[in-house]
Amino acid sequence: MQKKELQPQFDKKVVKARVNKQMDFELDYDTFQDTENLTVLVSSVKRNNVTLGKYLPKWLRFDDKSLRFVGTPTIDDLDVTYIIELTATNGY
């Protein structure tokens, strides 16, 4: 069977992180229409509209099992905007 990309229930979520304060953001599994065999990967990261590939900033981690982002930005991230795109598949 062929893998298919799942459509999200939303396409944008704004999360504000504060310098030197831990940010903890968890996606709800209900974000995705079909959660059987769900795999979620970071597919694209941009920093102030410059593409960084699939690499999150050093201070940020994504747990693909809990769908949780955790990290503490530093002063170097002040006034920086990150756009993070995720891709979800269900293994079919």
Foldseek 3Di string as FASTA:
>chain_A
DDKDWWDFPDDDDDDDADAQDKDKDADDCNRTPDPAQKFKAWQWKDKQNHTPGSDDPPFWDADRVRRMIIGHHHPVCPPIDMDIDMIMINRD
